Structure formats: C-alpha cells, structure tokens
Amino acid sequence: MPDGLSDKVKGAVNKVKGEAKDQWGNATNNRSLQAEGKVDKAKGEVQQKVGEIKDRH
C-alpha cells in the first residue's frame, strides 16, 4: 500500500468514528463524547492531509 493511502484510510476511519461519537454525544447530551468525536474528526482530517502530501512526493 502506498504511504499516502494508508494515512488517508486511517484518516477516513477516524473521521467516521468521530462523526458517530459526535452525533451520539449530541443525541444523549453527552458533551464529553461530543468533544471526543470532534477530536477524532480533526485527527482524521490531519491524517488525510498527510496522506495527500505523501502521495505528491
């Protein structure tokens, strides 16, 4: 697997996981879970960007 693809896949997984936590936290009024979800989504965004950069080099 090319270097960048691995990072992009990990990023996509973290974004989906983060979105699910964020939504579940919102539905259950669990602010801690919402915050955790937002962190996971941000981490996923960064991983995807790193993957894109690796693919360019």
PDB file of N, CA and C in Angstrom:
ATOM      1  N   MET A   1       0.855  -1.175   0.000  1.00  0.00           N
ATOM      2  CA  MET A   1       0.000   0.000   0.000  1.00  0.00           C
ATOM      3  C   MET A   1       0.899   1.235   0.000  1.00  0.00           C
ATOM      4  N   PRO A   2       0.659   2.158  -0.916  1.00  0.00           N
ATOM      5  CA  PRO A   2       1.456   3.390  -0.930  1.00  0.00           C
ATOM      6  C   PRO A   2       1.342   4.136   0.394  1.00  0.00           C
ATOM      7  N   ASP A   3       2.420   4.827   0.764  1.00  0.00           N
ATOM      8  CA  ASP A   3       2.456   5.539   2.047  1.00  0.00           C
ATOM      9  C   ASP A   3       1.234   6.413   2.280  1.00  0.00           C
ATOM     10  N   GLY A   4       0.893   7.204   1.303  1.00  0.00           N
ATOM     11  CA  GLY A   4      -0.200   8.154   1.460  1.00  0.00           C
ATOM     12  C   GLY A   4      -1.554   7.497   1.612  1.00  0.00           C
ATOM     13  N   LEU A   5      -1.751   6.374   0.940  1.00  0.00           N
ATOM     14  CA  LEU A   5      -3.044   5.699   1.003  1.00  0.00           C
ATOM     15  C   LEU A   5      -3.350   5.214   2.411  1.00  0.00           C
ATOM     16  N   SER A   6      -2.361   4.689   3.089  1.00  0.00           N
ATOM     17  CA  SER A   6      -2.540   4.213   4.465  1.00  0.00           C
ATOM     18  C   SER A   6      -3.020   5.352   5.370  1.00  0.00           C
ATOM     19  N   ASP A   7      -2.385   6.501   5.249  1.00  0.00           N
ATOM     20  CA  ASP A   7      -2.779   7.651   6.058  1.00  0.00           C
ATOM     21  C   ASP A   7      -4.193   8.121   5.704  1.00  0.00           C
ATOM     22  N   LYS A   8      -4.515   8.087   4.411  1.00  0.00           N
ATOM     23  CA  LYS A   8      -5.850   8.526   4.001  1.00  0.00           C
ATOM     24  C   LYS A   8      -6.929   7.587   4.531  1.00  0.00           C
ATOM     25  N   VAL A   9      -6.655   6.284   4.519  1.00  0.00           N
ATOM     26  CA  VAL A   9      -7.626   5.312   5.041  1.00  0.00           C
ATOM     27  C   VAL A   9      -7.808   5.511   6.543  1.00  0.00           C
ATOM     28  N   LYS A  10      -6.700   5.639   7.273  1.00  0.00           N
ATOM     29  CA  LYS A  10      -6.781   5.872   8.716  1.00  0.00           C
ATOM     30  C   LYS A  10      -7.554   7.160   9.000  1.00  0.00           C
ATOM     31  N   GLY A  11      -7.298   8.176   8.208  1.00  0.00           N
ATOM     32  CA  GLY A  11      -7.988   9.448   8.380  1.00  0.00           C
ATOM     33  C   GLY A  11      -9.484   9.301   8.166  1.00  0.00           C
ATOM     34  N   ALA A  12      -9.869   8.577   7.130  1.00  0.00           N
ATOM     35  CA  ALA A  12     -11.295   8.378   6.851  1.00  0.00           C
ATOM     36  C   ALA A  12     -11.971   7.619   7.989  1.00  0.00           C
ATOM     37  N   VAL A  13     -11.291   6.606   8.518  1.00  0.00           N
ATOM     38  CA  VAL A  13     -11.848   5.831   9.633  1.00  0.00           C
ATOM     39  C   VAL A  13     -12.036   6.720  10.855  1.00  0.00           C
ATOM     40  N   ASN A  14     -11.043   7.526  11.163  1.00  0.00           N
ATOM     41  CA  ASN A  14     -11.148   8.412  12.327  1.00  0.00           C
ATOM     42  C   ASN A  14     -12.255   9.452  12.147  1.00  0.00           C
ATOM     43  N   LYS A  15     -12.419   9.947  10.925  1.00  0.00           N
ATOM     44  CA  LYS A  15     -13.487  10.919  10.685  1.00  0.00           C
ATOM     45  C   LYS A  15     -14.857  10.285  10.891  1.00  0.00           C
ATOM     46  N   VAL A  16     -15.050   9.068  10.394  1.00  0.00           N
ATOM     47  CA  VAL A  16     -16.339   8.380  10.558  1.00  0.00           C
ATOM     48  C   VAL A  16     -16.584   8.081  12.032  1.00  0.00           C
ATOM     49  N   LYS A  17     -15.557   7.567  12.702  1.00  0.00           N
ATOM     50  CA  LYS A  17     -15.676   7.263  14.132  1.00  0.00           C
ATOM     51  C   LYS A  17     -15.994   8.541  14.915  1.00  0.00           C
ATOM     52  N   GLY A  18     -15.307   9.611  14.583  1.00  0.00           N
ATOM     53  CA  GLY A  18     -15.523  10.880  15.268  1.00  0.00           C
ATOM     54  C   GLY A  18     -16.917  11.427  15.031  1.00  0.00           C
ATOM     55  N   GLU A  19     -17.394  11.316  13.810  1.00  0.00           N
ATOM     56  CA  GLU A  19     -18.749  11.790  13.500  1.00  0.00           C
ATOM     57  C   GLU A  19     -19.784  11.005  14.300  1.00  0.00           C
ATOM     58  N   ALA A  20     -19.588   9.690  14.392  1.00  0.00           N
ATOM     59  CA  ALA A  20     -20.523   8.847  15.150  1.00  0.00           C
ATOM     60  C   ALA A  20     -20.527   9.241  16.624  1.00  0.00           C
ATOM     61  N   LYS A  21     -19.351   9.450  17.195  1.00  0.00           N
ATOM     62  CA  LYS A  21     -19.267   9.856  18.608  1.00  0.00           C
ATOM     63  C   LYS A  21     -19.925  11.217  18.807  1.00  0.00           C
ATOM     64  N   ASP A  22     -19.637  12.142  17.901  1.00  0.00           N
ATOM     65  CA  ASP A  22     -20.191  13.488  17.989  1.00  0.00           C
ATOM     66  C   ASP A  22     -21.720  13.434  17.951  1.00  0.00           C
ATOM     67  N   GLN A  23     -22.258  12.683  17.011  1.00  0.00           N
ATOM     68  CA  GLN A  23     -23.717  12.577  16.879  1.00  0.00           C
ATOM     69  C   GLN A  23     -24.339  11.870  18.079  1.00  0.00           C
ATOM     70  N   TRP A  24     -23.713  10.785  18.534  1.00  0.00           N
ATOM     71  CA  TRP A  24     -24.244  10.055  19.690  1.00  0.00           C
ATOM     72  C   TRP A  24     -24.172  10.945  20.937  1.00  0.00           C
ATOM     73  N   GLY A  25     -23.081  11.658  21.092  1.00  0.00           N
ATOM     74  CA  GLY A  25     -22.958  12.579  22.221  1.00  0.00           C
ATOM     75  C   GLY A  25     -24.017  13.663  22.166  1.00  0.00           C
ATOM     76  N   ASN A  26     -24.313  14.147  20.968  1.00  0.00           N
ATOM     77  CA  ASN A  26     -25.358  15.155  20.795  1.00  0.00           C
ATOM     78  C   ASN A  26     -26.723  14.579  21.156  1.00  0.00           C
ATOM     79  N   ALA A  27     -26.993  13.368  20.687  1.00  0.00           N
ATOM     80  CA  ALA A  27     -28.294  12.737  20.940  1.00  0.00           C
ATOM     81  C   ALA A  27     -28.509  12.427  22.413  1.00  0.00           C
ATOM     82  N   THR A  28     -27.435  12.121  23.120  1.00  0.00           N
ATOM     83  CA  THR A  28     -27.553  11.749  24.534  1.00  0.00           C
ATOM     84  C   THR A  28     -27.158  12.888  25.466  1.00  0.00           C
ATOM     85  N   ASN A  29     -26.903  14.058  24.881  1.00  0.00           N
ATOM     86  CA  ASN A  29     -26.486  15.241  25.647  1.00  0.00           C
ATOM     87  C   ASN A  29     -25.208  14.963  26.447  1.00  0.00           C
ATOM     88  N   ASN A  30     -24.299  14.209  25.841  1.00  0.00           N
ATOM     89  CA  ASN A  30     -23.031  13.868  26.471  1.00  0.00           C
ATOM     90  C   ASN A  30     -21.942  14.743  25.844  1.00  0.00           C
ATOM     91  N   ARG A  31     -21.647  15.842  26.499  1.00  0.00           N
ATOM     92  CA  ARG A  31     -20.686  16.802  25.946  1.00  0.00           C
ATOM     93  C   ARG A  31     -19.271  16.228  25.850  1.00  0.00           C
ATOM     94  N   SER A  32     -18.920  15.361  26.766  1.00  0.00           N
ATOM     95  CA  SER A  32     -17.600  14.741  26.735  1.00  0.00           C
ATOM     96  C   SER A  32     -17.436  13.877  25.482  1.00  0.00           C
ATOM     97  N   LEU A  33     -18.462  13.098  25.162  1.00  0.00           N
ATOM     98  CA  LEU A  33     -18.416  12.253  23.972  1.00  0.00           C
ATOM     99  C   LEU A  33     -18.407  13.101  22.698  1.00  0.00           C
ATOM    100  N   GLN A  34     -19.158  14.190  22.718  1.00  0.00           N
ATOM    101  CA  GLN A  34     -19.160  15.104  21.575  1.00  0.00           C
ATOM    102  C   GLN A  34     -17.757  15.660  21.347  1.00  0.00           C
ATOM    103  N   ALA A  35     -17.105  16.086  22.420  1.00  0.00           N
ATOM    104  CA  ALA A  35     -15.760  16.653  22.313  1.00  0.00           C
ATOM    105  C   ALA A  35     -14.781  15.601  21.791  1.00  0.00           C
ATOM    106  N   GLU A  36     -14.915  14.383  22.289  1.00  0.00           N
ATOM    107  CA  GLU A  36     -14.060  13.294  21.833  1.00  0.00           C
ATOM    108  C   GLU A  36     -14.248  13.063  20.331  1.00  0.00           C
ATOM    109  N   GLY A  37     -15.487  13.123  19.892  1.00  0.00           N
ATOM    110  CA  GLY A  37     -15.784  12.948  18.475  1.00  0.00           C
ATOM    111  C   GLY A  37     -15.170  14.042  17.625  1.00  0.00           C
ATOM    112  N   LYS A  38     -15.228  15.256  18.106  1.00  0.00           N
ATOM    113  CA  LYS A  38     -14.646  16.376  17.362  1.00  0.00           C
ATOM    114  C   LYS A  38     -13.124  16.225  17.250  1.00  0.00           C
ATOM    115  N   VAL A  39     -12.492  15.726  18.307  1.00  0.00           N
ATOM    116  CA  VAL A  39     -11.044  15.489  18.271  1.00  0.00           C
ATOM    117  C   VAL A  39     -10.723  14.403  17.249  1.00  0.00           C
ATOM    118  N   ASP A  40     -11.507  13.315  17.247  1.00  0.00           N
ATOM    119  CA  ASP A  40     -11.281  12.232  16.286  1.00  0.00           C
ATOM    120  C   ASP A  40     -11.443  12.734  14.845  1.00  0.00           C
ATOM    121  N   LYS A  41     -12.460  13.568  14.620  1.00  0.00           N
ATOM    122  CA  LYS A  41     -12.666  14.109  13.268  1.00  0.00           C
ATOM    123  C   LYS A  41     -11.481  14.974  12.847  1.00  0.00           C
ATOM    124  N   ALA A  42     -10.990  15.804  13.754  1.00  0.00           N
ATOM    125  CA  ALA A  42      -9.850  16.665  13.439  1.00  0.00           C
ATOM    126  C   ALA A  42      -8.607  15.827  13.156  1.00  0.00           C
ATOM    127  N   LYS A  43      -8.407  14.778  13.951  1.00  0.00           N
ATOM    128  CA  LYS A  43      -7.278  13.875  13.742  1.00  0.00           C
ATOM    129  C   LYS A  43      -7.379  13.233  12.357  1.00  0.00           C
ATOM    130  N   GLY A  44      -8.577  12.838  11.991  1.00  0.00           N
ATOM    131  CA  GLY A  44      -8.789  12.225  10.682  1.00  0.00           C
ATOM    132  C   GLY A  44      -8.481  13.178   9.554  1.00  0.00           C
ATOM    133  N   GLU A  45      -8.862  14.435   9.709  1.00  0.00           N
ATOM    134  CA  GLU A  45      -8.572  15.450   8.691  1.00  0.00           C
ATOM    135  C   GLU A  45      -7.063  15.586   8.490  1.00  0.00           C
ATOM    136  N   VAL A  46      -6.335  15.643   9.597  1.00  0.00           N
ATOM    137  CA  VAL A  46      -4.883  15.789   9.529  1.00  0.00           C
ATOM    138  C   VAL A  46      -4.265  14.569   8.845  1.00  0.00           C
ATOM    139  N   GLN A  47      -4.719  13.370   9.225  1.00  0.00           N
ATOM    140  CA  GLN A  47      -4.177  12.150   8.617  1.00  0.00           C
ATOM    141  C   GLN A  47      -4.422  12.138   7.109  1.00  0.00           C
ATOM    142  N   GLN A  48      -5.600  12.558   6.696  1.00  0.00           N
ATOM    143  CA  GLN A  48      -5.884  12.583   5.267  1.00  0.00           C
ATOM    144  C   GLN A  48      -4.985  13.573   4.540  1.00  0.00           C
ATOM    145  N   LYS A  49      -4.756  14.734   5.137  1.00  0.00           N
ATOM    146  CA  LYS A  49      -3.875  15.736   4.523  1.00  0.00           C
ATOM    147  C   LYS A  49      -2.447  15.202   4.419  1.00  0.00           C
ATOM    148  N   VAL A  50      -1.985  14.511   5.466  1.00  0.00           N
ATOM    149  CA  VAL A  50      -0.642  13.922   5.440  1.00  0.00           C
ATOM    150  C   VAL A  50      -0.557  12.915   4.300  1.00  0.00           C
ATOM    151  N   GLY A  51      -1.596  12.108   4.138  1.00  0.00           N
ATOM    152  CA  GLY A  51      -1.622  11.130   3.050  1.00  0.00           C
ATOM    153  C   GLY A  51      -1.556  11.788   1.688  1.00  0.00           C
ATOM    154  N   GLU A  52      -2.265  12.895   1.531  1.00  0.00           N
ATOM    155  CA  GLU A  52      -2.238  13.610   0.254  1.00  0.00           C
ATOM    156  C   GLU A  52      -0.847  14.167  -0.032  1.00  0.00           C
ATOM    157  N   ILE A  53      -0.207  14.678   0.990  1.00  0.00           N
ATOM    158  CA  ILE A  53       1.140  15.225   0.828  1.00  0.00           C
ATOM    159  C   ILE A  53       2.121  14.116   0.459  1.00  0.00           C
ATOM    160  N   LYS A  54       2.016  12.977   1.124  1.00  0.00           N
ATOM    161  CA  LYS A  54       2.915  11.843   0.825  1.00  0.00           C
ATOM    162  C   LYS A  54       2.716  11.367  -0.613  1.00  0.00           C
ATOM    163  N   ASP A  55       1.484  11.375  -1.079  1.00  0.00           N
ATOM    164  CA  ASP A  55       1.213  10.937  -2.447  1.00  0.00           C
ATOM    165  C   ASP A  55       1.842  11.859  -3.482  1.00  0.00           C
ATOM    166  N   ARG A  56       1.999  13.112  -3.148  1.00  0.00           N
ATOM    167  CA  ARG A  56       2.578  14.080  -4.081  1.00  0.00           C
ATOM    168  C   ARG A  56       4.094  13.941  -4.209  1.00  0.00           C
ATOM    169  N   HIS A  57       4.715  13.316  -3.213  1.00  0.00           N
ATOM    170  CA  HIS A  57       6.197  13.232  -3.214  1.00  0.00           C
ATOM    171  C   HIS A  57       6.666  11.883  -3.618  1.00  0.00           C
TER     172      HIS A  57
END
